[in-house]
Amino acid sequence: MTVCVGISNLVWLPVMGAVSDRIGRRSVLLVFTILTILTSYPAVQWLVANPSFARLLMVELWLSFQL
């Protein structure tokens, strides 16, 4: 799990850094803050409803994309 999230961060951090350089840091932070607020609780509820490794991986990767 940790390795998958680390690889995800290795990919997304430079990509999102380039996006924020192009369109502005404030707008990127605002969009992803709202996205995190709206989706984190439903994602965890979905995981708790039927826990599995695949669901845990998807939730962790989704949250690593947002953060």
N, C-alpha and C. Protein backbone atom coordinates (compact mmCIF):
# COMPACT_ATOMS: atom_id res chain seq x y z
N MET A 1 0.82 -1.17 0.00
CA MET A 1 0.00 0.00 0.00
C MET A 1 0.87 1.25 0.00
N THR A 2 1.85 1.27 0.88
CA THR A 2 2.73 2.43 0.98
C THR A 2 3.51 2.66 -0.31
N VAL A 3 3.97 1.59 -0.92
CA VAL A 3 4.71 1.71 -2.18
C VAL A 3 3.80 2.26 -3.28
N CYS A 4 2.57 1.79 -3.35
CA CYS A 4 1.64 2.28 -4.38
C CYS A 4 1.34 3.77 -4.20
N VAL A 5 1.12 4.19 -2.98
CA VAL A 5 0.87 5.61 -2.71
C VAL A 5 2.12 6.42 -3.00
N GLY A 6 3.28 5.89 -2.68
CA GLY A 6 4.54 6.59 -2.98
C GLY A 6 4.75 6.76 -4.48
N ILE A 7 4.44 5.73 -5.25
CA ILE A 7 4.56 5.83 -6.70
C ILE A 7 3.54 6.84 -7.24
N SER A 8 2.34 6.82 -6.69
CA SER A 8 1.32 7.79 -7.09
C SER A 8 1.80 9.21 -6.82
N ASN A 9 2.38 9.43 -5.65
CA ASN A 9 2.91 10.76 -5.33
C ASN A 9 4.06 11.13 -6.24
N LEU A 10 4.89 10.18 -6.59
CA LEU A 10 6.00 10.43 -7.50
C LEU A 10 5.50 10.92 -8.86
N VAL A 11 4.36 10.42 -9.28
CA VAL A 11 3.78 10.83 -10.56
C VAL A 11 3.02 12.15 -10.42
N TRP A 12 2.12 12.23 -9.44
CA TRP A 12 1.20 13.36 -9.36
C TRP A 12 1.83 14.66 -8.87
N LEU A 13 2.79 14.60 -7.97
CA LEU A 13 3.35 15.85 -7.43
C LEU A 13 3.99 16.72 -8.51
N PRO A 14 4.86 16.19 -9.37
CA PRO A 14 5.41 17.05 -10.42
C PRO A 14 4.35 17.52 -11.43
N VAL A 15 3.40 16.64 -11.74
CA VAL A 15 2.35 17.01 -12.70
C VAL A 15 1.52 18.17 -12.13
N MET A 16 1.09 18.04 -10.90
CA MET A 16 0.28 19.10 -10.29
C MET A 16 1.09 20.36 -10.03
N GLY A 17 2.38 20.22 -9.78
CA GLY A 17 3.24 21.40 -9.66
C GLY A 17 3.28 22.17 -10.97
N ALA A 18 3.38 21.45 -12.07
CA ALA A 18 3.38 22.11 -13.38
C ALA A 18 2.03 22.75 -13.68
N VAL A 19 0.95 22.07 -13.29
CA VAL A 19 -0.39 22.63 -13.49
C VAL A 19 -0.55 23.91 -12.67
N SER A 20 -0.09 23.88 -11.42
CA SER A 20 -0.23 25.08 -10.59
C SER A 20 0.65 26.22 -11.09
N ASP A 21 1.78 25.91 -11.68
CA ASP A 21 2.61 26.97 -12.28
C ASP A 21 1.90 27.60 -13.48
N ARG A 22 1.16 26.79 -14.20
CA ARG A 22 0.50 27.28 -15.41
C ARG A 22 -0.78 28.06 -15.10
N ILE A 23 -1.63 27.54 -14.19
CA ILE A 23 -2.92 28.20 -13.96
C ILE A 23 -3.01 28.92 -12.63
N GLY A 24 -2.04 28.75 -11.77
CA GLY A 24 -2.04 29.45 -10.49
C GLY A 24 -2.25 28.52 -9.31
N ARG A 25 -1.50 28.78 -8.27
CA ARG A 25 -1.56 27.92 -7.09
C ARG A 25 -2.88 28.04 -6.34
N ARG A 26 -3.40 29.25 -6.23
CA ARG A 26 -4.62 29.46 -5.47
C ARG A 26 -5.79 28.67 -6.06
N SER A 27 -5.94 28.69 -7.37
CA SER A 27 -7.07 27.98 -7.98
C SER A 27 -6.92 26.46 -7.83
N VAL A 28 -5.70 25.96 -7.96
CA VAL A 28 -5.47 24.51 -7.78
C VAL A 28 -5.77 24.11 -6.34
N LEU A 29 -5.29 24.90 -5.38
CA LEU A 29 -5.56 24.59 -3.97
C LEU A 29 -7.06 24.66 -3.66
N LEU A 30 -7.74 25.63 -4.22
CA LEU A 30 -9.17 25.76 -3.98
C LEU A 30 -9.94 24.56 -4.54
N VAL A 31 -9.64 24.18 -5.77
CA VAL A 31 -10.33 23.05 -6.41
C VAL A 31 -10.10 21.76 -5.63
N PHE A 32 -8.85 21.49 -5.26
CA PHE A 32 -8.57 20.22 -4.59
C PHE A 32 -9.01 20.21 -3.13
N THR A 33 -9.08 21.37 -2.50
CA THR A 33 -9.64 21.43 -1.15
C THR A 33 -11.12 21.10 -1.19
N ILE A 34 -11.84 21.69 -2.12
CA ILE A 34 -13.27 21.40 -2.25
C ILE A 34 -13.49 19.94 -2.63
N LEU A 35 -12.68 19.42 -3.55
CA LEU A 35 -12.79 18.03 -3.95
C LEU A 35 -12.54 17.08 -2.77
N THR A 36 -11.56 17.40 -1.95
CA THR A 36 -11.28 16.57 -0.77
C THR A 36 -12.43 16.62 0.22
N ILE A 37 -12.96 17.81 0.47
CA ILE A 37 -14.08 17.95 1.41
C ILE A 37 -15.29 17.15 0.93
N LEU A 38 -15.56 17.19 -0.36
CA LEU A 38 -16.76 16.53 -0.89
C LEU A 38 -16.62 15.02 -1.04
N THR A 39 -15.41 14.51 -1.23
CA THR A 39 -15.27 13.09 -1.56
C THR A 39 -14.60 12.22 -0.51
N SER A 40 -13.93 12.80 0.47
CA SER A 40 -13.19 11.96 1.42
C SER A 40 -14.12 11.10 2.29
N TYR A 41 -15.17 11.71 2.84
CA TYR A 41 -16.07 10.96 3.70
C TYR A 41 -16.82 9.87 2.93
N PRO A 42 -17.40 10.16 1.75
CA PRO A 42 -18.05 9.08 0.99
C PRO A 42 -17.07 7.97 0.59
N ALA A 43 -15.82 8.31 0.29
CA ALA A 43 -14.85 7.28 -0.07
C ALA A 43 -14.56 6.36 1.10
N VAL A 44 -14.43 6.93 2.29
CA VAL A 44 -14.17 6.10 3.47
C VAL A 44 -15.42 5.28 3.82
N GLN A 45 -16.59 5.86 3.68
CA GLN A 45 -17.83 5.09 3.91
C GLN A 45 -17.92 3.91 2.96
N TRP A 46 -17.57 4.12 1.70
CA TRP A 46 -17.57 3.06 0.70
C TRP A 46 -16.60 1.95 1.10
N LEU A 47 -15.45 2.33 1.62
CA LEU A 47 -14.46 1.35 2.07
C LEU A 47 -14.96 0.57 3.28
N VAL A 48 -15.58 1.24 4.23
CA VAL A 48 -16.05 0.58 5.44
C VAL A 48 -17.23 -0.35 5.15
N ALA A 49 -18.03 -0.02 4.16
CA ALA A 49 -19.20 -0.85 3.83
C ALA A 49 -18.81 -2.26 3.40
N ASN A 50 -17.68 -2.39 2.70
CA ASN A 50 -17.23 -3.70 2.25
C ASN A 50 -15.70 -3.66 2.12
N PRO A 51 -14.99 -3.79 3.23
CA PRO A 51 -13.53 -3.63 3.18
C PRO A 51 -12.84 -4.72 2.37
N SER A 52 -11.91 -4.30 1.54
CA SER A 52 -11.07 -5.23 0.80
C SER A 52 -9.79 -4.50 0.44
N PHE A 53 -8.80 -5.27 0.02
CA PHE A 53 -7.53 -4.66 -0.35
C PHE A 53 -7.70 -3.75 -1.56
N ALA A 54 -8.50 -4.17 -2.53
CA ALA A 54 -8.70 -3.37 -3.74
C ALA A 54 -9.38 -2.04 -3.42
N ARG A 55 -10.38 -2.08 -2.56
CA ARG A 55 -11.05 -0.83 -2.18
C ARG A 55 -10.12 0.07 -1.39
N LEU A 56 -9.36 -0.51 -0.48
CA LEU A 56 -8.40 0.29 0.29
C LEU A 56 -7.40 0.94 -0.64
N LEU A 57 -6.91 0.20 -1.61
CA LEU A 57 -5.96 0.75 -2.57
C LEU A 57 -6.59 1.89 -3.37
N MET A 58 -7.82 1.71 -3.83
CA MET A 58 -8.47 2.77 -4.60
C MET A 58 -8.71 4.02 -3.77
N VAL A 59 -9.14 3.86 -2.52
CA VAL A 59 -9.36 5.02 -1.65
C VAL A 59 -8.05 5.72 -1.36
N GLU A 60 -7.01 4.97 -1.05
CA GLU A 60 -5.70 5.58 -0.77
C GLU A 60 -5.15 6.30 -1.98
N LEU A 61 -5.29 5.72 -3.16
CA LEU A 61 -4.81 6.38 -4.37
C LEU A 61 -5.63 7.62 -4.68
N TRP A 62 -6.93 7.56 -4.45
CA TRP A 62 -7.77 8.73 -4.66
C TRP A 62 -7.36 9.86 -3.72
N LEU A 63 -7.14 9.53 -2.46
CA LEU A 63 -6.74 10.56 -1.49
C LEU A 63 -5.34 11.07 -1.77
N SER A 64 -4.45 10.22 -2.26
CA SER A 64 -3.10 10.71 -2.59
C SER A 64 -3.14 11.60 -3.82
N PHE A 65 -4.08 11.39 -4.72
CA PHE A 65 -4.24 12.27 -5.87
C PHE A 65 -4.71 13.65 -5.41
N GLN A 66 -5.57 13.70 -4.42
CA GLN A 66 -6.12 14.96 -3.93
C GLN A 66 -5.13 15.73 -3.07
N LEU A 67 -4.29 15.03 -2.36
CA LEU A 67 -3.39 15.72 -1.44
C LEU A 67 -2.08 15.90 -2.07
